[in-house]
Amino acid sequence: MTSSNDDGQSNGNFEGYVFKSCLDAAVVVDEKFYGPLPDVVSMQGRFLRPRPETPTFDPEYYPDFARKLAFLLDGVPFRQKVRRRKYGEEIVEEWIEGHTPIEIREKWISEQEKKMKQHDAILENPTPPTPEDERRAKEERMAAERDKARLVWEKYKAIKKQKKRKAAELSSSSTQTLPNPRKRQMPS
């Protein structure tokens, strides 16, 4: 004696039936053992079978897992932004990170090399100075010459002072050692 299910399957024969999820299979098995479940709407969901629990890992084995995960997840938007800037919006939306076709990457690399060559060419050929640059360079050169002249003048003054001091010392020391011929020495 086989009764027919709503799906057209018999309660005892599930061959060819494709379960949509593990919860679907569990409900069919429960109905086989305990009979039809009450209507969900009329019972306000009291007899619904709960979903299976997700397995979790003991946190003592992975103490910094959450920190590493948060760090990596925070980097995802930045990497996507970099990819958008490199390849463009269409490529980023079409290809996931790490699966960008080689042709697209090579095209980007060749474009970068071309830009670098242009940049190097600009740096190798200097631009002629503007009148403002020439004026500024002349002012700097004149200021440097004034500073140099001031230093030379100060050095000259210091040398002149030093010579005067030496001459004064020599003249004062020579007058003390030599007797004055105008003075008469008194016999004692």
Protein backbone atom coordinates (compact mmCIF):
# COMPACT_ATOMS: atom_id res chain seq x y z
CA MET A 1 0.00 0.00 0.00
CA THR A 2 1.74 3.14 -1.21
CA SER A 3 0.33 6.60 -0.83
CA SER A 4 1.24 9.33 -3.23
CA ASN A 5 3.05 12.49 -2.12
CA ASP A 6 2.32 16.01 -3.44
CA ASP A 7 5.32 15.65 -5.75
CA GLY A 8 3.86 12.51 -7.29
CA GLN A 9 6.41 10.32 -5.47
CA SER A 10 5.46 7.40 -3.31
CA ASN A 11 6.50 7.57 0.34
CA GLY A 12 8.72 4.53 0.04
CA ASN A 13 10.34 5.13 -3.31
CA PHE A 14 12.58 8.20 -3.78
CA GLU A 15 14.47 7.08 -6.86
CA GLY A 16 14.88 9.86 -9.40
CA TYR A 17 13.78 12.51 -6.91
CA VAL A 18 16.29 15.37 -6.65
CA PHE A 19 16.34 17.03 -3.25
CA LYS A 20 16.74 20.80 -3.32
CA SER A 21 18.70 20.92 -0.06
CA CYS A 22 19.62 18.84 2.95
CA LEU A 23 16.65 20.40 4.75
CA ASP A 24 14.34 19.18 1.98
CA ALA A 25 15.67 15.64 2.39
CA ALA A 26 15.29 15.78 6.18
CA VAL A 27 11.65 16.90 5.86
CA VAL A 28 10.85 14.05 3.45
CA VAL A 29 12.42 11.51 5.83
CA ASP A 30 10.51 12.96 8.80
CA GLU A 31 7.24 12.75 6.86
CA LYS A 32 8.03 9.13 6.08
CA PHE A 33 8.48 8.24 9.76
CA TYR A 34 5.94 10.52 11.46
CA GLY A 35 3.38 11.15 8.79
CA PRO A 36 2.57 14.42 7.06
CA LEU A 37 3.69 17.55 8.86
CA PRO A 38 1.04 20.08 9.85
CA ASP A 39 0.44 23.06 7.60
CA VAL A 40 3.05 25.75 8.24
CA VAL A 41 0.67 28.66 7.86
CA SER A 42 -2.00 27.29 10.18
CA MET A 43 0.56 26.41 12.86
CA GLN A 44 2.39 29.76 12.40
CA GLY A 45 5.69 28.00 11.77
CA ARG A 46 5.90 26.18 15.13
CA PHE A 47 6.75 22.83 13.60
CA LEU A 48 9.26 23.99 11.01
CA ARG A 49 12.47 22.04 11.07
CA PRO A 50 15.43 24.28 11.95
CA ARG A 51 18.37 24.58 9.63
CA PRO A 52 21.46 22.57 10.54
CA GLU A 53 24.06 24.50 12.53
CA THR A 54 27.14 25.78 10.76
CA PRO A 55 30.31 24.14 12.03
CA THR A 56 32.59 26.61 13.81
CA PHE A 57 36.21 26.35 14.83
CA ASP A 58 37.38 26.64 18.38
CA PRO A 59 38.87 30.14 18.76
CA GLU A 60 41.83 28.89 20.80
CA TYR A 61 43.31 27.28 17.69
CA TYR A 62 43.03 30.47 15.61
CA PRO A 63 43.54 33.39 18.00
CA ASP A 64 44.38 36.00 15.35
CA PHE A 65 42.15 34.63 12.59
CA ALA A 66 39.60 37.44 12.91
CA ARG A 67 42.33 40.10 12.84
CA LYS A 68 43.92 38.63 9.70
CA LEU A 69 40.54 38.20 8.03
CA ALA A 70 39.56 41.80 8.80
CA PHE A 71 42.89 43.04 7.42
CA LEU A 72 42.47 41.07 4.19
CA LEU A 73 38.83 42.09 3.76
CA ASP A 74 39.72 45.75 4.30
CA GLY A 75 42.23 45.45 1.46
CA VAL A 76 39.68 44.14 -1.06
CA PRO A 77 38.11 47.53 -1.91
CA PHE A 78 41.57 49.08 -2.30
CA ARG A 79 42.70 46.32 -4.67
CA GLN A 80 39.49 46.70 -6.67
CA LYS A 81 40.06 50.46 -6.87
CA VAL A 82 43.59 49.86 -8.16
CA ARG A 83 42.30 47.36 -10.72
CA ARG A 84 39.62 49.86 -11.87
CA ARG A 85 42.29 52.50 -12.37
CA LYS A 86 44.55 50.06 -14.22
CA TYR A 87 42.17 48.16 -16.47
CA GLY A 88 38.91 50.13 -16.51
CA GLU A 89 35.42 49.49 -15.22
CA GLU A 90 34.39 46.92 -17.85
CA ILE A 91 37.35 44.61 -17.24
CA VAL A 92 36.99 44.76 -13.46
CA GLU A 93 33.30 43.91 -13.64
CA GLU A 94 33.87 41.06 -16.10
CA TRP A 95 36.94 39.36 -14.59
CA ILE A 96 37.49 38.57 -10.93
CA GLU A 97 40.75 39.47 -9.23
CA GLY A 98 43.58 37.13 -10.15
CA HIS A 99 41.84 35.95 -13.35
CA THR A 100 42.45 38.95 -15.60
CA PRO A 101 43.46 37.61 -19.03
CA ILE A 102 47.14 37.78 -19.94
CA GLU A 103 46.41 39.83 -23.07
CA ILE A 104 44.80 42.59 -21.01
CA ARG A 105 47.68 42.64 -18.51
CA GLU A 106 50.27 42.73 -21.33
CA LYS A 107 48.38 45.59 -22.99
CA TRP A 108 48.43 47.54 -19.72
CA ILE A 109 52.15 46.85 -19.24
CA SER A 110 52.96 48.03 -22.78
CA GLU A 111 50.93 51.22 -22.20
CA GLN A 112 52.86 51.85 -18.98
CA GLU A 113 56.18 51.33 -20.76
CA LYS A 114 55.12 53.80 -23.46
CA LYS A 115 54.18 56.38 -20.82
CA MET A 116 57.53 55.88 -19.05
CA LYS A 117 59.41 56.42 -22.34
CA GLN A 118 57.47 59.65 -22.93
CA HIS A 119 58.20 60.75 -19.37
CA ASP A 120 61.91 59.99 -19.76
CA ALA A 121 62.00 61.89 -23.07
CA ILE A 122 60.50 64.94 -21.38
CA LEU A 123 63.06 64.76 -18.58
CA GLU A 124 66.00 64.36 -20.98
CA ASN A 125 65.14 67.48 -23.02
CA PRO A 126 65.22 70.41 -20.59
CA THR A 127 62.95 73.33 -21.30
CA PRO A 128 64.56 76.73 -21.93
CA PRO A 129 64.53 79.03 -18.90
CA THR A 130 61.85 81.67 -18.67
CA PRO A 131 62.70 85.35 -18.08
CA GLU A 132 61.54 84.91 -14.49
CA ASP A 133 63.98 81.99 -14.04
CA GLU A 134 66.82 84.06 -15.54
CA ARG A 135 66.04 87.02 -13.25
CA ARG A 136 65.94 84.77 -10.19
CA ALA A 137 69.24 83.09 -11.16
CA LYS A 138 70.89 86.51 -11.68
CA GLU A 139 69.67 87.72 -8.28
CA GLU A 140 70.98 84.57 -6.60
CA ARG A 141 74.35 84.94 -8.36
CA MET A 142 74.62 88.62 -7.35
CA ALA A 143 73.67 87.81 -3.74
CA ALA A 144 76.35 85.11 -3.65
CA GLU A 145 78.93 87.57 -5.05
CA ARG A 146 77.94 90.20 -2.44
CA ASP A 147 78.31 87.63 0.35
CA LYS A 148 81.70 86.59 -0.99
CA ALA A 149 82.85 90.23 -1.26
CA ARG A 150 81.64 90.94 2.29
CA LEU A 151 83.58 87.94 3.61
CA VAL A 152 86.73 89.04 1.75
CA TRP A 153 86.34 92.61 3.13
CA GLU A 154 85.88 91.31 6.69
CA LYS A 155 88.92 89.08 6.32
CA TYR A 156 90.94 92.03 4.98
CA LYS A 157 89.87 94.18 7.96
CA ALA A 158 90.77 91.41 10.40
CA ILE A 159 94.23 91.00 8.84
CA LYS A 160 94.78 94.79 8.91
CA LYS A 161 93.77 94.95 12.59
CA GLN A 162 96.07 92.08 13.37
CA LYS A 163 99.00 93.82 11.63
CA LYS A 164 98.29 97.07 13.53
CA ARG A 165 98.18 95.17 16.82
CA LYS A 166 101.50 93.45 16.06
CA ALA A 167 103.08 96.75 15.04
CA ALA A 168 101.83 98.37 18.23
CA GLU A 169 103.17 95.51 20.31
CA LEU A 170 106.54 95.69 18.58
CA SER A 171 106.78 99.43 18.99
CA SER A 172 105.83 99.33 22.66
CA SER A 173 108.23 96.50 23.41
CA SER A 174 111.12 98.13 21.52
CA THR A 175 110.78 101.43 23.37
CA GLN A 176 110.96 99.75 26.73
CA THR A 177 114.12 97.82 26.05
CA LEU A 178 116.14 100.55 24.40
CA PRO A 179 117.34 103.41 26.50
CA ASN A 180 116.15 106.82 25.56
CA PRO A 181 119.14 108.82 24.35
CA ARG A 182 117.62 112.14 25.34
CA LYS A 183 117.35 111.22 28.92
CA ARG A 184 120.42 111.57 30.99
CA GLN A 185 121.21 109.09 33.49
CA MET A 186 122.15 110.47 36.78
CA PRO A 187 125.18 109.09 38.44
CA SER A 188 124.42 107.42 41.62
